[in-house]
């Protein structure tokens, strides 16, 4: 029901992967607008105690 009741999820499948991307899209500009030397690096969203998803934004991660 999130895709029907929450505006930023409208038209999207209510999955952990889509939720965390939308959370990132909300949080990153707000954090970047603060005048601190900080940036959003990672979000982790737990579905259960053993099932979670990490998101690092759209940046390409290289090792």
Protein backbone atom coordinates (compact mmCIF):
# COMPACT_ATOMS: atom_id res chain seq x y z
CA UNK A 1 0.00 0.00 0.00
CA UNK A 2 3.00 2.32 0.24
CA UNK A 3 2.79 2.98 -3.49
CA UNK A 4 -0.78 4.22 -2.96
CA UNK A 5 -0.41 6.06 0.34
CA UNK A 6 3.04 7.68 0.19
CA UNK A 7 3.53 10.33 -2.48
CA UNK A 8 7.20 9.65 -3.23
CA UNK A 9 6.39 5.96 -3.86
CA UNK A 10 3.54 6.64 -6.28
CA UNK A 11 3.82 4.41 -9.33
CA UNK A 12 6.72 2.40 -7.86
CA UNK A 13 6.87 -1.13 -6.53
CA UNK A 14 7.14 -1.02 -2.72
CA UNK A 15 10.43 -2.89 -2.36
CA UNK A 16 13.34 -2.27 0.00
CA UNK A 17 15.48 -1.34 -3.00
CA UNK A 18 13.04 1.32 -4.21
CA UNK A 19 12.40 2.62 -0.70
CA UNK A 20 16.07 3.10 0.09
CA UNK A 21 16.65 4.95 -3.20
CA UNK A 22 13.78 7.31 -2.42
CA UNK A 23 15.06 7.84 1.14
CA UNK A 24 18.46 8.70 -0.35
CA UNK A 25 16.87 11.16 -2.78
CA UNK A 26 15.16 12.90 0.13
CA UNK A 27 18.09 12.91 2.57
CA UNK A 28 21.10 13.62 0.35
CA UNK A 29 20.12 17.16 -0.77
CA UNK A 30 19.17 18.10 2.79
CA UNK A 31 22.49 16.87 4.19
CA UNK A 32 24.45 18.52 1.36
CA UNK A 33 22.69 21.83 2.01
CA UNK A 34 24.00 21.93 5.57
CA UNK A 35 27.23 23.83 5.95
CA UNK A 36 29.05 20.91 7.53
CA UNK A 37 31.92 18.94 6.13
CA UNK A 38 29.71 15.89 5.86
CA UNK A 39 27.99 13.95 3.13
CA UNK A 40 25.74 10.96 2.92
CA UNK A 41 27.82 7.85 2.29
CA UNK A 42 25.54 4.87 2.91
CA UNK A 43 22.02 3.96 3.92
CA UNK A 44 21.03 0.56 5.29
CA UNK A 45 17.40 -0.53 5.44
CA UNK A 46 16.43 -3.64 7.36
CA UNK A 47 13.43 -5.69 6.29
CA UNK A 48 14.11 -8.33 8.96
CA UNK A 49 17.00 -8.86 11.36
CA UNK A 50 18.78 -10.91 8.69
CA UNK A 51 17.57 -9.26 5.49
CA UNK A 52 18.72 -5.76 4.59
CA UNK A 53 19.84 -3.63 1.68
CA UNK A 54 22.73 -1.14 1.53
CA UNK A 55 22.68 1.83 -0.82
CA UNK A 56 25.56 4.14 -1.69
CA UNK A 57 23.77 6.42 -4.13
CA UNK A 58 24.26 6.36 -7.86
CA UNK A 59 28.02 6.81 -7.53
CA UNK A 60 30.19 4.17 -9.11
CA UNK A 61 32.15 2.32 -6.44
CA UNK A 62 35.65 1.23 -7.42
CA UNK A 63 38.16 -0.70 -5.37
